[in-house]
Protein backbone atom coordinates (compact mmCIF):
# COMPACT_ATOMS: atom_id res chain seq x y z
CA UNK A 1 1.76 -60.81 -51.85
CA UNK A 2 4.02 -62.44 -49.27
CA UNK A 3 3.98 -61.94 -45.50
CA UNK A 4 6.59 -62.25 -42.77
CA UNK A 5 5.53 -62.83 -39.14
CA UNK A 6 7.35 -60.35 -36.89
CA UNK A 7 7.25 -59.19 -33.27
CA UNK A 8 5.58 -55.91 -32.42
CA UNK A 9 7.96 -52.96 -32.84
CA UNK A 10 7.32 -51.89 -29.23
CA UNK A 11 8.37 -55.32 -27.96
CA UNK A 12 11.82 -56.54 -27.01
CA UNK A 13 12.37 -59.89 -28.73
CA UNK A 14 8.65 -60.71 -28.76
CA UNK A 15 8.13 -60.13 -25.02
CA UNK A 16 5.03 -58.49 -23.62
CA UNK A 17 4.69 -54.71 -23.52
CA UNK A 18 3.63 -53.35 -20.12
CA UNK A 19 1.07 -50.53 -20.49
CA UNK A 20 2.44 -47.72 -18.32
CA UNK A 21 0.26 -44.89 -19.65
CA UNK A 22 -3.05 -44.00 -18.00
CA UNK A 23 -4.06 -41.35 -20.57
CA UNK A 24 -3.40 -40.30 -24.12
CA UNK A 25 -0.88 -40.57 -25.66
CA UNK A 26 -0.50 -44.17 -24.68
CA UNK A 27 2.41 -46.58 -24.46
CA UNK A 28 3.71 -47.46 -27.96
CA UNK A 29 2.74 -50.97 -29.00
CA UNK A 30 3.62 -50.95 -32.71
CA UNK A 31 4.66 -48.55 -35.45
CA UNK A 32 3.57 -49.62 -38.93
CA UNK A 33 5.92 -49.80 -41.86
CA UNK A 34 6.33 -46.58 -43.84
CA UNK A 35 4.77 -47.99 -47.01
CA UNK A 36 1.49 -46.57 -48.26
CA UNK A 37 0.98 -49.67 -50.36
CA UNK A 38 1.81 -52.59 -48.08
CA UNK A 39 0.27 -53.25 -44.67
CA UNK A 40 1.00 -54.69 -41.25
CA UNK A 41 -1.69 -57.15 -40.18
CA UNK A 42 -1.81 -56.92 -36.38
CA UNK A 43 -2.91 -59.49 -33.78
CA UNK A 44 -2.90 -58.51 -30.09
CA UNK A 45 -3.65 -60.15 -26.75
CA UNK A 46 -4.01 -58.36 -23.41
CA UNK A 47 -3.19 -59.80 -20.00
CA UNK A 48 -4.67 -58.15 -16.91
CA UNK A 49 -2.40 -59.13 -14.00
CA UNK A 50 -4.54 -57.46 -11.33
CA UNK A 51 -7.22 -59.03 -9.09
CA UNK A 52 -9.88 -56.62 -10.43
CA UNK A 53 -11.11 -55.81 -13.93
CA UNK A 54 -9.51 -52.95 -15.87
CA UNK A 55 -10.29 -50.86 -18.93
CA UNK A 56 -7.80 -50.73 -21.80
CA UNK A 57 -7.90 -48.23 -24.66
CA UNK A 58 -5.98 -48.79 -27.90
CA UNK A 59 -5.22 -45.72 -29.98
CA UNK A 60 -5.22 -47.07 -33.52
CA UNK A 61 -3.15 -44.70 -35.66
CA UNK A 62 -4.28 -41.55 -33.84
CA UNK A 63 -5.68 -40.15 -30.62
CA UNK A 64 -9.10 -38.86 -31.69
CA UNK A 65 -11.93 -40.34 -29.62
CA UNK A 66 -13.95 -42.24 -30.66
CA UNK A 67 -12.58 -42.47 -34.22
CA UNK A 68 -9.16 -43.92 -33.35
CA UNK A 69 -10.04 -45.68 -30.09
CA UNK A 70 -10.77 -49.32 -29.39
CA UNK A 71 -11.91 -49.85 -25.78
CA UNK A 72 -11.85 -53.15 -23.89
CA UNK A 73 -12.90 -54.20 -20.40
CA UNK A 74 -10.39 -56.83 -19.30
CA UNK A 75 -11.29 -59.45 -16.70
CA UNK A 76 -8.86 -60.00 -13.82
CA UNK A 77 -6.08 -62.56 -14.17
CA UNK A 78 -7.03 -63.28 -17.78
CA UNK A 79 -5.40 -63.15 -21.19
CA UNK A 80 -7.85 -62.22 -23.94
CA UNK A 81 -7.57 -61.62 -27.69
CA UNK A 82 -8.28 -57.94 -28.35
CA UNK A 83 -7.29 -57.46 -32.01
CA UNK A 84 -7.31 -60.12 -34.68
CA UNK A 85 -6.02 -59.23 -38.16
CA UNK A 86 -6.58 -55.46 -38.23
CA UNK A 87 -4.39 -53.58 -40.68
CA UNK A 88 -2.29 -50.45 -40.32
CA UNK A 89 0.28 -48.76 -42.56
CA UNK A 90 2.00 -45.46 -43.45
CA UNK A 91 4.03 -45.23 -40.20
CA UNK A 92 0.87 -44.94 -38.10
CA UNK A 93 1.29 -45.96 -34.46
CA UNK A 94 -0.76 -48.23 -32.20
CA UNK A 95 -0.62 -47.01 -28.59
CA UNK A 96 -2.37 -48.17 -25.42
CA UNK A 97 -3.40 -46.78 -22.06
CA UNK A 98 -5.24 -48.37 -19.14
CA UNK A 99 -7.13 -47.12 -16.12
CA UNK A 100 -4.23 -48.20 -13.86
CA UNK A 101 -0.53 -48.19 -14.67
CA UNK A 102 1.55 -51.36 -15.11
CA UNK A 103 -1.17 -54.00 -14.67
CA UNK A 104 -1.97 -54.69 -18.33
CA UNK A 105 0.55 -56.34 -20.65
CA UNK A 106 0.12 -56.52 -24.44
CA UNK A 107 1.42 -59.51 -26.42
CA UNK A 108 1.16 -60.09 -30.14
CA UNK A 109 2.69 -60.12 -33.56
CA UNK A 110 2.31 -58.68 -37.04
CA UNK A 111 2.22 -60.21 -40.45
CA UNK A 112 4.03 -57.71 -42.66
CA UNK A 113 3.08 -57.66 -46.31
CA UNK A 114 5.56 -56.90 -49.06
């Protein structure tokens, strides 16, 4: 299998994605390729630009809590890895919401298998 490193589909030219949503459904971070056979391997980092800590929730392919949710407490003024090499496919969508709008930015990339 070969992989191509690509920006997140919710990103413009690889730039960060500002999390505007404060509840489900979240801000779109990435939509997986339509294939049921091949996968997108996702790596994400979160930056909390505020002077206080914030909670971030990723909705991984769905919105059912707790099944589809990954929850992170982000320290202030820090960039932290939040997802390293998790897979998604079949046009499922990764979305995010935070406890305050426009203070968390998601950066990352995918390795797309084919």
